[in-house]
Amino acid sequence: MHFGSLPSVGVGELKADDFLLDVREDDEWQAGHIEGALHIPMSDFVARYGELTEAAPQDGTVNVICRSGG
């Protein structure tokens, strides 16, 4: 799945209340992740999309953590 060009955000640019979605696979998540991030692996994203819509702020920004970036 490709969403086109999206801006990158550095860790130092995040605010304490920013919403984080981690789409890395389970093994990558288990190797290390940011506390409080919602984990929905890309391979499960379509099936679990409802979890994102329930958890994410309706009027805010969702910051996505992925393996490859870009």
N, C-alpha and C. Protein backbone atom coordinates (compact mmCIF):
# COMPACT_ATOMS: atom_id res chain seq x y z
N MET A 1 0.85 -1.16 0.00
CA MET A 1 0.00 0.00 0.00
C MET A 1 0.90 1.23 0.00
N HIS A 2 0.61 2.17 -0.86
CA HIS A 2 1.42 3.38 -0.96
C HIS A 2 0.50 4.58 -0.95
N PHE A 3 0.79 5.56 -0.12
CA PHE A 3 -0.05 6.74 0.02
C PHE A 3 0.54 7.97 -0.64
N GLY A 4 1.59 7.81 -1.42
CA GLY A 4 2.23 8.95 -2.03
C GLY A 4 3.22 9.58 -1.08
N SER A 5 3.58 10.80 -1.35
CA SER A 5 4.57 11.50 -0.55
C SER A 5 3.92 12.11 0.68
N LEU A 6 4.46 11.78 1.84
CA LEU A 6 3.98 12.32 3.10
C LEU A 6 5.14 12.99 3.82
N PRO A 7 4.88 14.02 4.60
CA PRO A 7 5.97 14.68 5.33
C PRO A 7 6.52 13.78 6.43
N SER A 8 7.80 13.89 6.68
CA SER A 8 8.45 13.18 7.78
C SER A 8 8.49 14.09 8.99
N VAL A 9 8.34 13.48 10.16
CA VAL A 9 8.38 14.23 11.41
C VAL A 9 9.43 13.57 12.30
N GLY A 10 10.33 14.36 12.81
CA GLY A 10 11.34 13.84 13.71
C GLY A 10 10.79 13.69 15.12
N VAL A 11 11.40 12.82 15.89
CA VAL A 11 10.96 12.58 17.26
C VAL A 11 10.90 13.87 18.06
N GLY A 12 11.86 14.74 17.86
CA GLY A 12 11.90 16.01 18.58
C GLY A 12 10.77 16.96 18.23
N GLU A 13 10.08 16.70 17.12
CA GLU A 13 8.97 17.56 16.70
C GLU A 13 7.63 17.11 17.26
N LEU A 14 7.58 15.92 17.83
CA LEU A 14 6.33 15.40 18.37
C LEU A 14 5.99 16.10 19.68
N LYS A 15 4.68 16.27 19.90
CA LYS A 15 4.19 16.83 21.15
C LYS A 15 3.75 15.66 22.04
N ALA A 16 3.68 15.90 23.33
CA ALA A 16 3.35 14.84 24.29
C ALA A 16 2.00 14.18 23.99
N ASP A 17 1.04 14.92 23.45
CA ASP A 17 -0.29 14.36 23.20
C ASP A 17 -0.52 13.95 21.75
N ASP A 18 0.52 13.92 20.93
CA ASP A 18 0.37 13.49 19.53
C ASP A 18 -0.03 12.02 19.47
N PHE A 19 -0.88 11.68 18.51
CA PHE A 19 -1.33 10.30 18.32
C PHE A 19 -0.33 9.57 17.44
N LEU A 20 0.08 8.38 17.88
CA LEU A 20 1.06 7.59 17.14
C LEU A 20 0.44 6.26 16.73
N LEU A 21 0.57 5.93 15.45
CA LEU A 21 0.14 4.65 14.91
C LEU A 21 1.36 3.93 14.38
N ASP A 22 1.63 2.75 14.91
CA ASP A 22 2.79 1.96 14.49
C ASP A 22 2.29 0.84 13.59
N VAL A 23 2.68 0.87 12.31
CA VAL A 23 2.21 -0.12 11.34
C VAL A 23 3.26 -1.18 11.02
N ARG A 24 4.32 -1.22 11.83
CA ARG A 24 5.34 -2.25 11.62
C ARG A 24 4.79 -3.62 12.01
N GLU A 25 5.40 -4.66 11.50
CA GLU A 25 4.96 -6.02 11.80
C GLU A 25 5.31 -6.39 13.24
N ASP A 26 4.71 -7.47 13.73
CA ASP A 26 4.84 -7.86 15.14
C ASP A 26 6.28 -8.00 15.60
N ASP A 27 7.14 -8.62 14.79
CA ASP A 27 8.53 -8.82 15.22
C ASP A 27 9.26 -7.49 15.38
N GLU A 28 8.95 -6.53 14.52
CA GLU A 28 9.57 -5.21 14.62
C GLU A 28 9.05 -4.47 15.85
N TRP A 29 7.76 -4.58 16.12
CA TRP A 29 7.14 -3.97 17.30
C TRP A 29 7.76 -4.54 18.58
N GLN A 30 7.90 -5.86 18.62
CA GLN A 30 8.44 -6.52 19.81
C GLN A 30 9.90 -6.16 20.05
N ALA A 31 10.63 -5.82 19.01
CA ALA A 31 12.03 -5.43 19.15
C ALA A 31 12.16 -4.06 19.80
N GLY A 32 11.10 -3.28 19.77
CA GLY A 32 11.11 -1.95 20.39
C GLY A 32 10.03 -1.08 19.80
N HIS A 33 9.37 -0.34 20.66
CA HIS A 33 8.31 0.55 20.20
C HIS A 33 8.12 1.71 21.18
N ILE A 34 7.39 2.70 20.74
CA ILE A 34 7.11 3.87 21.56
C ILE A 34 5.89 3.57 22.43
N GLU A 35 6.06 3.75 23.73
CA GLU A 35 4.97 3.51 24.66
C GLU A 35 3.78 4.40 24.32
N GLY A 36 2.60 3.82 24.30
CA GLY A 36 1.39 4.56 24.01
C GLY A 36 0.96 4.55 22.56
N ALA A 37 1.83 4.07 21.67
CA ALA A 37 1.47 4.00 20.25
C ALA A 37 0.46 2.88 20.03
N LEU A 38 -0.47 3.09 19.13
CA LEU A 38 -1.40 2.05 18.71
C LEU A 38 -0.69 1.19 17.68
N HIS A 39 -0.70 -0.12 17.88
CA HIS A 39 -0.02 -1.02 16.96
C HIS A 39 -1.04 -1.75 16.10
N ILE A 40 -1.02 -1.47 14.81
CA ILE A 40 -1.81 -2.20 13.82
C ILE A 40 -0.86 -2.51 12.68
N PRO A 41 -0.37 -3.76 12.60
CA PRO A 41 0.56 -4.10 11.52
C PRO A 41 -0.07 -3.83 10.15
N MET A 42 0.74 -3.41 9.21
CA MET A 42 0.25 -3.10 7.87
C MET A 42 -0.48 -4.30 7.26
N SER A 43 -0.03 -5.50 7.58
CA SER A 43 -0.67 -6.70 7.04
C SER A 43 -2.09 -6.90 7.59
N ASP A 44 -2.43 -6.24 8.69
CA ASP A 44 -3.76 -6.34 9.30
C ASP A 44 -4.56 -5.04 9.18
N PHE A 45 -3.99 -4.04 8.52
CA PHE A 45 -4.55 -2.70 8.57
C PHE A 45 -6.00 -2.62 8.09
N VAL A 46 -6.31 -3.22 6.98
CA VAL A 46 -7.68 -3.12 6.44
C VAL A 46 -8.67 -3.77 7.41
N ALA A 47 -8.33 -4.95 7.92
CA ALA A 47 -9.23 -5.66 8.82
C ALA A 47 -9.40 -4.95 10.16
N ARG A 48 -8.40 -4.21 10.59
CA ARG A 48 -8.42 -3.58 11.91
C ARG A 48 -8.58 -2.06 11.86
N TYR A 49 -8.95 -1.53 10.71
CA TYR A 49 -9.08 -0.09 10.54
C TYR A 49 -10.02 0.55 11.57
N GLY A 50 -11.05 -0.17 11.95
CA GLY A 50 -12.00 0.33 12.94
C GLY A 50 -11.34 0.70 14.26
N GLU A 51 -10.29 -0.02 14.64
CA GLU A 51 -9.56 0.30 15.86
C GLU A 51 -8.94 1.69 15.77
N LEU A 52 -8.43 2.01 14.60
CA LEU A 52 -7.83 3.33 14.39
C LEU A 52 -8.88 4.42 14.47
N THR A 53 -10.01 4.21 13.81
CA THR A 53 -11.05 5.25 13.82
C THR A 53 -11.63 5.46 15.21
N GLU A 54 -11.61 4.42 16.05
CA GLU A 54 -12.08 4.56 17.43
C GLU A 54 -11.07 5.30 18.30
N ALA A 55 -9.79 5.04 18.09
CA ALA A 55 -8.74 5.55 18.98
C ALA A 55 -8.19 6.92 18.59
N ALA A 56 -8.14 7.20 17.31
CA ALA A 56 -7.49 8.44 16.84
C ALA A 56 -8.40 9.65 17.05
N PRO A 57 -7.80 10.80 17.32
CA PRO A 57 -8.61 12.02 17.45
C PRO A 57 -9.24 12.37 16.11
N GLN A 58 -10.49 12.78 16.14
CA GLN A 58 -11.20 13.08 14.90
C GLN A 58 -10.68 14.34 14.21
N ASP A 59 -10.11 15.24 14.96
CA ASP A 59 -9.66 16.50 14.37
C ASP A 59 -8.15 16.70 14.51
N GLY A 60 -7.44 15.64 14.78
CA GLY A 60 -6.00 15.76 14.98
C GLY A 60 -5.19 15.07 13.90
N THR A 61 -3.91 15.04 14.12
CA THR A 61 -2.98 14.42 13.19
C THR A 61 -2.61 13.04 13.69
N VAL A 62 -2.55 12.08 12.78
CA VAL A 62 -2.08 10.74 13.10
C VAL A 62 -0.66 10.62 12.56
N ASN A 63 0.29 10.41 13.45
CA ASN A 63 1.69 10.19 13.06
C ASN A 63 1.91 8.70 12.92
N VAL A 64 2.39 8.27 11.76
CA VAL A 64 2.56 6.85 11.47
C VAL A 64 4.02 6.46 11.57
N ILE A 65 4.27 5.38 12.30
CA ILE A 65 5.61 4.83 12.43
C ILE A 65 5.67 3.60 11.54
N CYS A 66 6.65 3.58 10.63
CA CYS A 66 6.81 2.43 9.75
C CYS A 66 8.28 2.05 9.66
N ARG A 67 8.54 0.92 9.07
CA ARG A 67 9.91 0.44 8.99
C ARG A 67 10.74 1.23 8.00
N SER A 68 10.19 1.50 6.82
CA SER A 68 11.01 2.06 5.75
C SER A 68 10.90 3.57 5.61
N GLY A 69 9.87 4.17 6.14
CA GLY A 69 9.72 5.62 6.03
C GLY A 69 9.34 6.05 4.62
N GLY A 70 9.22 7.35 4.46
CA GLY A 70 8.90 7.89 3.14
C GLY A 70 7.53 7.73 2.80
